[in-house]
Amino acid sequence: MIGWGDVYKVVAAMTPLYFALSLGYGSVRWWKLFTPNQCDAVNRLVAYFAVPFFAFDFAARIDPYALSYRVLAADALSKLAVALALAAWAAASSSTSTSSSSGEEGNNNTKKKKKKERAVSWCITGFSLATLNNTLVVGVPLLDAMYGKWARDLVVQISVVQIIVYFPVLLLAFEARRAWGATGTGKDEEDVDIEGLGLGGESETTAAASFWPLVRAVWIKVARNPNVYAGVLGVAWACVTNRFATSTSLPLLTWHIETPSIIEGSVLIMSKTGVGLAMFSMGLFMAMQEKIIVCGAGPTLLGMVLRFVAGPAATAVGAVALGLRGDVLRLAIIQAALPQSITTFVFAREYSLHADVLSTAVIFGTLASLPVLIVYFIVLGLIPC
């Protein structure tokens, strides 16, 4: 059962986030220390240095030979369900059209294309809001207090898979959206790093012939992003440091290889800046806006519903489908209601896609998460699973 001491541990873990956020906010709004270009540079520092080192350091500390594959599969199934639901919504939204005369056909096609691009953009943001959460700051101390060490270990496993699988998938979606946008606007040299595509005022035949080079350009862009490799390299190193062998005549043997101190220190000096600089960058972003709640009430409510209702509901379906029961099922549902991942804001700002929505989801979702998660814990404890 959760006691006041456990609540204090969670609050103590959350408070430094808002300290860093306040410093970032004040440095622009009150002290005028950064220009908009410098604020963008800070976010790029976070996206390409602090976050990858943080991901590597975190992933390198798990035991990859003690994973709960059924829990991870349930989490993957829930994310797949969310992705399919969003794709179906986008297809239905972009396919709606009205009859028109031939003179209005070109204008309607332009509107339809913009509608489709808007639907795809909201699919990416909706996936972030419903599935990608902050398991470390709130999840680890809170779920440890709720269910014990085994729950903390499972949450860490889910977080590592999020780093090595779902964040790269999110980056791929961002790059694909940017490349297709370049196709429509002719900004291939800026956003798509390839030559000779002839984008812009070309015929449909040329556009079709340019599709595969465009796909190749997207993969090149993603391959250059260190976030794609950081978590994988961390897990690979964890496999080395926790290497084991089995024998028919001997019990399970495990050899623990320590990371050389010179490497560990080099990684830690950058890793420790990850969460703090991400929140600092969010404070910078907030200070450059006219209002604290940048996106308005509607998108804020949408973000809260996706985070605290849709995500846990999809996870519950996936977990039940794969046979999870008891406290493991309760854990799977509660971890899906953890607050929004800070990294999703960093990526959203880097790619200029609904950073206002993600910043609001992180800031206010983290504040609201503690009472919401405690209610989930109490209600699920009353329901036989």
Protein backbone atom coordinates (compact mmCIF):
# COMPACT_ATOMS: atom_id res chain seq x y z
CA MET A 1 0.00 0.00 0.00
CA ILE A 2 1.16 3.54 -0.74
CA GLY A 3 2.14 5.58 2.30
CA TRP A 4 2.95 9.25 2.71
CA GLY A 5 6.63 8.42 2.56
CA ASP A 6 6.13 6.87 -0.87
CA VAL A 7 4.21 9.91 -2.08
CA TYR A 8 7.05 12.11 -0.87
CA LYS A 9 9.56 10.06 -2.88
CA VAL A 10 7.54 10.60 -6.05
CA VAL A 11 7.13 14.32 -5.37
CA ALA A 12 10.85 14.57 -4.60
CA ALA A 13 11.59 12.95 -7.96
CA MET A 14 9.22 15.29 -9.83
CA THR A 15 10.24 18.60 -8.20
CA PRO A 16 13.68 18.88 -9.89
CA LEU A 17 11.93 18.69 -13.26
CA TYR A 18 10.01 21.87 -12.54
CA PHE A 19 13.11 23.53 -11.09
CA ALA A 20 14.90 23.06 -14.42
CA LEU A 21 11.73 24.14 -16.26
CA SER A 22 11.53 27.33 -14.17
CA LEU A 23 15.16 28.19 -14.85
CA GLY A 24 14.61 27.83 -18.58
CA TYR A 25 11.43 29.89 -18.45
CA GLY A 26 13.00 32.66 -16.38
CA SER A 27 16.15 32.86 -18.48
CA VAL A 28 14.08 34.02 -21.46
CA ARG A 29 10.95 35.64 -20.03
CA TRP A 30 12.57 37.61 -17.18
CA TRP A 31 16.34 37.69 -17.65
CA LYS A 32 16.50 37.79 -21.49
CA LEU A 33 19.57 35.55 -21.62
CA PHE A 34 18.74 33.62 -24.81
CA THR A 35 17.59 34.58 -28.28
CA PRO A 36 15.16 32.35 -30.22
CA ASN A 37 18.02 30.94 -32.31
CA GLN A 38 19.97 30.12 -29.16
CA CYS A 39 16.92 28.38 -27.70
CA ASP A 40 16.73 26.22 -30.82
CA ALA A 41 20.41 25.40 -30.41
CA VAL A 42 19.82 24.28 -26.82
CA ASN A 43 17.05 21.93 -27.95
CA ARG A 44 19.31 20.52 -30.68
CA LEU A 45 21.99 19.89 -28.07
CA VAL A 46 19.45 17.93 -26.06
CA ALA A 47 18.15 15.99 -29.07
CA TYR A 48 21.50 14.94 -30.50
CA PHE A 49 23.75 14.65 -27.45
CA ALA A 50 22.07 14.59 -24.05
CA VAL A 51 19.19 12.23 -24.94
CA PRO A 52 21.33 9.65 -26.80
CA PHE A 53 23.86 9.43 -23.96
CA PHE A 54 21.03 9.15 -21.45
CA ALA A 55 19.45 6.36 -23.50
CA PHE A 56 22.73 4.46 -23.78
CA ASP A 57 23.49 4.77 -20.08
CA PHE A 58 20.03 3.64 -19.05
CA ALA A 59 19.85 0.73 -21.50
CA ALA A 60 23.32 -0.49 -20.54
CA ARG A 61 22.23 -1.02 -16.93
CA ILE A 62 19.50 -3.63 -17.51
CA ASP A 63 19.82 -7.39 -17.56
CA PRO A 64 18.69 -8.40 -21.07
CA TYR A 65 18.59 -12.08 -20.05
CA ALA A 66 15.81 -11.53 -17.52
CA LEU A 67 13.16 -9.88 -19.67
CA SER A 68 9.44 -10.52 -19.27
CA TYR A 69 8.55 -11.16 -22.91
CA ARG A 70 4.81 -11.49 -22.34
CA VAL A 71 4.59 -8.06 -20.69
CA LEU A 72 6.68 -6.52 -23.47
CA ALA A 73 4.52 -8.24 -26.09
CA ALA A 74 1.36 -6.88 -24.45
CA ASP A 75 2.86 -3.39 -24.53
CA ALA A 76 3.74 -3.82 -28.21
CA LEU A 77 0.24 -5.09 -29.02
CA SER A 78 -1.35 -2.06 -27.36
CA LYS A 79 0.88 0.33 -29.32
CA LEU A 80 0.04 -1.50 -32.54
CA ALA A 81 -3.67 -1.15 -31.76
CA VAL A 82 -3.26 2.59 -31.19
CA ALA A 83 -1.29 2.98 -34.42
CA LEU A 84 -3.91 1.10 -36.44
CA ALA A 85 -6.76 3.11 -34.90
CA LEU A 86 -4.99 6.38 -35.72
CA ALA A 87 -4.22 5.21 -39.27
CA ALA A 88 -7.87 4.29 -39.79
CA TRP A 89 -8.95 7.70 -38.52
CA ALA A 90 -6.46 9.45 -40.82
CA ALA A 91 -7.64 7.44 -43.83
CA ALA A 92 -11.29 8.18 -43.09
CA SER A 93 -10.59 11.84 -42.42
CA SER A 94 -8.57 12.42 -45.59
CA SER A 95 -10.92 10.48 -47.88
CA THR A 96 -13.98 12.62 -47.21
CA SER A 97 -14.60 14.90 -50.16
CA THR A 98 -17.38 16.88 -51.76
CA SER A 99 -18.51 16.97 -55.39
CA SER A 100 -17.33 19.97 -57.36
CA SER A 101 -17.17 21.40 -60.87
CA SER A 102 -14.07 21.02 -63.00
CA GLY A 103 -13.12 24.64 -62.30
CA GLU A 104 -12.93 23.97 -58.59
CA GLU A 105 -11.19 20.60 -58.91
CA GLY A 106 -7.65 21.97 -58.48
CA ASN A 107 -8.61 23.97 -55.40
CA ASN A 108 -10.35 20.97 -53.85
CA ASN A 109 -7.33 18.76 -54.51
CA THR A 110 -5.14 21.25 -52.69
CA LYS A 111 -7.51 21.31 -49.75
CA LYS A 112 -7.66 17.52 -49.70
CA LYS A 113 -3.87 17.28 -49.70
CA LYS A 114 -3.59 19.72 -46.81
CA LYS A 115 -6.26 17.79 -44.94
CA LYS A 116 -4.34 14.58 -45.46
CA GLU A 117 -1.08 16.15 -44.26
CA ARG A 118 -2.85 17.49 -41.18
CA ALA A 119 -4.31 14.05 -40.44
CA VAL A 120 -0.88 12.40 -40.73
CA SER A 121 0.63 15.02 -38.43
CA TRP A 122 -2.00 14.38 -35.79
CA CYS A 123 -1.46 10.64 -36.13
CA ILE A 124 2.18 11.10 -35.14
CA THR A 125 1.30 13.38 -32.23
CA GLY A 126 -1.58 11.15 -31.15
CA PHE A 127 0.71 8.12 -31.07
CA SER A 128 3.16 10.03 -28.88
CA LEU A 129 0.42 11.15 -26.51
CA ALA A 130 -1.22 7.75 -26.16
CA THR A 131 1.76 5.42 -25.97
CA LEU A 132 5.08 7.08 -25.02
CA ASN A 133 5.43 7.81 -21.32
CA ASN A 134 7.94 8.89 -18.70
CA THR A 135 8.62 5.66 -16.85
CA LEU A 136 11.70 6.74 -14.94
CA VAL A 137 10.96 9.88 -12.96
CA VAL A 138 7.46 8.97 -11.80
CA GLY A 139 7.04 5.32 -12.77
CA VAL A 140 10.02 3.72 -11.00
CA PRO A 141 9.48 5.18 -7.50
CA LEU A 142 5.69 5.00 -7.62
CA LEU A 143 5.33 1.44 -8.96
CA ASP A 144 8.06 0.26 -6.62
CA ALA A 145 5.95 1.60 -3.75
CA MET A 146 2.79 0.01 -5.17
CA TYR A 147 3.98 -3.49 -6.00
CA GLY A 148 7.64 -3.86 -5.06
CA LYS A 149 10.95 -4.49 -6.81
CA TRP A 150 9.53 -6.81 -9.49
CA ALA A 151 7.25 -3.99 -10.70
CA ARG A 152 10.16 -1.57 -10.86
CA ASP A 153 12.15 -4.07 -12.94
CA LEU A 154 9.28 -4.52 -15.40
CA VAL A 155 8.85 -0.78 -15.82
CA VAL A 156 12.56 -0.42 -16.56
CA GLN A 157 12.29 -3.15 -19.21
CA ILE A 158 9.35 -1.39 -20.87
CA SER A 159 11.29 1.87 -20.83
CA VAL A 160 14.32 0.31 -22.51
CA VAL A 161 12.18 -1.18 -25.28
CA GLN A 162 10.61 2.26 -25.74
CA ILE A 163 14.10 3.70 -26.21
CA ILE A 164 15.39 1.11 -28.67
CA VAL A 165 12.20 0.48 -30.68
CA TYR A 166 9.47 3.09 -30.39
CA PHE A 167 11.57 6.26 -30.32
CA PRO A 168 13.34 5.25 -33.57
CA VAL A 169 9.94 4.47 -35.09
CA LEU A 170 8.78 7.94 -34.04
CA LEU A 171 11.88 9.51 -35.61
CA LEU A 172 11.19 7.59 -38.82
CA ALA A 173 7.66 8.99 -38.88
CA PHE A 174 8.99 12.53 -38.33
CA GLU A 175 11.50 12.19 -41.16
CA ALA A 176 8.92 10.67 -43.51
CA ARG A 177 6.50 13.51 -42.82
CA ARG A 178 9.25 16.09 -43.45
CA ALA A 179 10.28 14.39 -46.73
CA TRP A 180 6.68 14.19 -48.07
CA GLY A 181 6.24 17.78 -47.11
CA ALA A 182 9.33 18.62 -49.14
CA THR A 183 7.81 16.81 -52.11
CA GLY A 184 4.84 19.14 -52.08
CA THR A 185 6.75 22.36 -51.52
CA GLY A 186 9.91 21.75 -53.52
CA LYS A 187 12.15 22.21 -50.46
CA ASP A 188 14.12 19.07 -51.20
CA GLU A 189 17.56 20.58 -50.61
CA GLU A 190 16.66 21.77 -47.14
CA ASP A 191 14.66 18.87 -45.79
CA VAL A 192 15.63 15.89 -47.98
CA ASP A 193 19.34 15.39 -48.37
CA ILE A 194 19.44 14.00 -51.92
CA GLU A 195 20.14 15.43 -55.34
CA GLY A 196 18.34 15.41 -58.62
CA LEU A 197 14.84 14.46 -57.52
CA GLY A 198 13.18 17.23 -59.52
CA LEU A 199 10.59 17.84 -56.80
CA GLY A 200 8.07 20.64 -57.05
CA GLY A 201 6.59 21.35 -60.47
CA GLU A 202 7.23 17.91 -61.97
CA SER A 203 4.68 15.59 -63.48
CA GLU A 204 3.11 12.66 -61.67
CA THR A 205 5.39 10.27 -63.58
CA THR A 206 8.48 12.02 -62.28
CA ALA A 207 7.06 12.06 -58.77
CA ALA A 208 6.42 8.33 -58.91
CA ALA A 209 9.95 7.70 -60.19
CA SER A 210 11.28 9.78 -57.30
CA PHE A 211 9.50 7.75 -54.64
CA TRP A 212 12.25 5.23 -53.92
CA PRO A 213 15.05 7.81 -53.83
CA LEU A 214 12.86 9.71 -51.41
CA VAL A 215 12.48 6.63 -49.21
CA ARG A 216 16.23 6.16 -49.35
CA ALA A 217 16.71 9.77 -48.27
CA VAL A 218 14.43 9.23 -45.27
CA TRP A 219 16.41 6.18 -44.18
CA ILE A 220 19.67 8.08 -44.55
CA LYS A 221 18.33 10.88 -42.38
CA VAL A 222 17.17 8.44 -39.70
CA ALA A 223 20.46 6.53 -39.86
CA ARG A 224 22.35 9.73 -39.10
CA ASN A 225 20.37 10.31 -35.91
CA PRO A 226 22.31 9.06 -32.84
CA ASN A 227 19.07 8.33 -30.98
CA VAL A 228 18.56 5.33 -33.26
CA TYR A 229 21.82 3.71 -32.15
CA ALA A 230 22.09 4.79 -28.54
CA GLY A 231 19.63 2.37 -26.98
CA VAL A 232 20.70 -0.55 -29.19
CA LEU A 233 24.36 -0.05 -28.28
CA GLY A 234 23.37 0.17 -24.62
CA VAL A 235 21.52 -3.15 -24.77
CA ALA A 236 24.41 -4.71 -26.69
CA TRP A 237 26.81 -3.65 -23.96
CA ALA A 238 24.40 -4.96 -21.33
CA CYS A 239 24.48 -8.33 -23.10
CA VAL A 240 28.27 -8.34 -22.76
CA THR A 241 28.33 -7.32 -19.12
CA ASN A 242 25.67 -9.90 -18.20
CA ARG A 243 26.93 -12.70 -20.45
CA PHE A 244 25.86 -16.16 -19.37
CA ALA A 245 26.13 -19.80 -20.35
CA THR A 246 24.11 -22.89 -19.52
CA SER A 247 25.11 -26.50 -19.11
CA THR A 248 23.25 -29.73 -18.53
CA SER A 249 25.46 -30.54 -15.58
CA LEU A 250 26.03 -27.09 -14.12
CA PRO A 251 23.58 -24.50 -12.85
CA LEU A 252 23.13 -21.19 -14.61
CA LEU A 253 26.43 -19.32 -14.63
CA THR A 254 26.66 -15.58 -14.93
CA TRP A 255 29.77 -13.47 -15.43
CA HIS A 256 29.49 -9.76 -14.67
CA ILE A 257 31.96 -7.57 -16.55
CA GLU A 258 32.27 -4.05 -15.21
CA THR A 259 32.29 -1.10 -17.56
CA PRO A 260 35.75 0.56 -17.58
CA SER A 261 35.64 3.63 -15.37
CA ILE A 262 36.99 5.89 -18.10
CA ILE A 263 34.08 4.92 -20.40
CA GLU A 264 31.49 5.04 -17.64
CA GLY A 265 32.60 8.50 -16.58
CA SER A 266 32.55 9.79 -20.16
CA VAL A 267 29.00 8.54 -20.65
CA LEU A 268 27.72 9.70 -17.27
CA ILE A 269 28.94 13.29 -17.68
CA MET A 270 26.59 13.66 -20.65
CA SER A 271 23.87 11.27 -19.50
CA LYS A 272 23.19 13.19 -16.31
CA THR A 273 22.32 16.30 -18.32
CA GLY A 274 19.58 14.55 -20.31
CA VAL A 275 16.40 15.04 -18.27
CA GLY A 276 17.44 18.40 -16.79
CA LEU A 277 18.36 19.96 -20.13
CA ALA A 278 15.19 18.61 -21.72
CA MET A 279 13.05 20.34 -19.10
CA PHE A 280 15.21 23.47 -19.38
CA SER A 281 14.59 23.49 -23.14
CA MET A 282 10.87 23.13 -22.48
CA GLY A 283 11.04 26.19 -20.21
CA LEU A 284 12.73 28.13 -23.00
CA PHE A 285 9.97 27.11 -25.39
CA MET A 286 7.25 28.16 -22.92
CA ALA A 287 8.85 31.55 -22.37
CA MET A 288 8.79 32.34 -26.08
CA GLN A 289 5.01 31.78 -26.24
CA GLU A 290 2.33 34.27 -25.32
CA LYS A 291 0.52 31.91 -22.93
CA ILE A 292 1.63 29.17 -20.56
CA ILE A 293 -0.99 26.79 -21.95
CA VAL A 294 0.20 27.29 -25.50
CA CYS A 295 -2.09 24.94 -27.41
CA GLY A 296 -5.43 25.96 -25.87
CA ALA A 297 -8.03 24.02 -23.90
CA GLY A 298 -9.14 21.64 -26.66
CA PRO A 299 -5.75 20.07 -27.52
CA THR A 300 -4.86 20.03 -23.82
CA LEU A 301 -7.98 18.02 -23.02
CA LEU A 302 -7.29 15.73 -25.99
CA GLY A 303 -3.77 15.11 -24.71
CA MET A 304 -5.00 14.26 -21.22
CA VAL A 305 -7.64 11.86 -22.58
CA LEU A 306 -5.13 10.07 -24.81
CA ARG A 307 -2.58 9.85 -22.02
CA PHE A 308 -4.76 8.82 -19.07
CA VAL A 309 -7.67 7.03 -20.76
CA ALA A 310 -6.96 5.80 -24.30
CA GLY A 311 -3.44 4.55 -23.58
CA PRO A 312 -4.37 2.51 -20.49
CA ALA A 313 -7.49 1.15 -22.23
CA ALA A 314 -5.46 -0.09 -25.21
CA THR A 315 -2.90 -1.62 -22.86
CA ALA A 316 -5.62 -3.38 -20.88
CA VAL A 317 -6.95 -4.98 -24.06
CA GLY A 318 -3.50 -6.07 -25.18
CA ALA A 319 -2.55 -7.41 -21.75
CA VAL A 320 -5.76 -9.41 -21.34
CA ALA A 321 -5.41 -10.79 -24.86
CA LEU A 322 -1.96 -12.14 -24.00
CA GLY A 323 -3.11 -13.68 -20.73
CA LEU A 324 -1.75 -11.25 -18.16
CA ARG A 325 -3.58 -11.50 -14.86
CA GLY A 326 -3.41 -10.27 -11.29
CA ASP A 327 -0.88 -7.62 -10.25
CA VAL A 328 1.01 -7.96 -13.53
CA LEU A 329 -2.11 -6.89 -15.41
CA ARG A 330 -2.67 -4.02 -12.97
CA LEU A 331 0.95 -2.92 -13.41
CA ALA A 332 0.65 -2.95 -17.20
CA ILE A 333 -2.41 -0.69 -17.07
CA ILE A 334 -0.96 1.72 -14.51
CA GLN A 335 2.36 2.14 -16.34
CA ALA A 336 0.41 3.09 -19.47
CA ALA A 337 -1.08 6.00 -17.51
CA LEU A 338 2.31 7.42 -16.50
CA PRO A 339 2.92 11.03 -17.57
CA GLN A 340 4.08 12.05 -21.03
CA SER A 341 7.64 11.29 -22.12
CA ILE A 342 9.87 14.36 -22.02
CA THR A 343 11.78 13.09 -25.05
CA THR A 344 8.66 13.34 -27.21
CA PHE A 345 8.65 17.10 -26.68
CA VAL A 346 12.34 17.33 -27.63
CA PHE A 347 11.66 15.50 -30.89
CA ALA A 348 8.45 17.44 -31.58
CA ARG A 349 10.27 20.72 -31.24
CA GLU A 350 13.20 19.55 -33.34
CA TYR A 351 10.81 18.61 -36.16
CA SER A 352 8.39 21.52 -35.57
CA LEU A 353 5.32 19.37 -35.06
CA HIS A 354 2.87 20.23 -32.26
CA ALA A 355 5.60 21.09 -29.76
CA ASP A 356 3.00 23.23 -27.98
CA VAL A 357 0.73 20.22 -27.46
CA LEU A 358 3.56 18.01 -26.21
CA SER A 359 4.95 20.64 -23.85
CA THR A 360 1.52 21.13 -22.28
CA ALA A 361 1.08 17.36 -22.00
CA VAL A 362 4.39 16.99 -20.19
CA ILE A 363 3.99 19.94 -17.85
CA PHE A 364 0.40 19.51 -16.76
CA GLY A 365 0.24 15.77 -17.32
CA THR A 366 3.11 15.22 -14.89
CA LEU A 367 1.36 17.35 -12.27
CA ALA A 368 -1.93 15.50 -12.73
CA SER A 369 -0.36 12.05 -12.94
CA LEU A 370 0.17 11.39 -9.21
CA PRO A 371 -3.50 11.60 -8.15
CA VAL A 372 -4.60 9.86 -11.36
CA LEU A 373 -2.21 6.96 -10.82
CA ILE A 374 -3.24 6.57 -7.18
CA VAL A 375 -6.90 6.40 -8.27
CA TYR A 376 -5.98 3.75 -10.84
CA PHE A 377 -4.17 1.78 -8.14
CA ILE A 378 -7.14 1.89 -5.76
CA VAL A 379 -9.78 1.07 -8.39
CA LEU A 380 -7.79 -1.76 -9.98
CA GLY A 381 -7.15 -3.18 -6.52
CA LEU A 382 -10.89 -3.53 -6.03
CA ILE A 383 -11.42 -5.31 -9.34
CA PRO A 384 -10.59 -9.04 -9.46
CA CYS A 385 -8.17 -9.72 -12.31
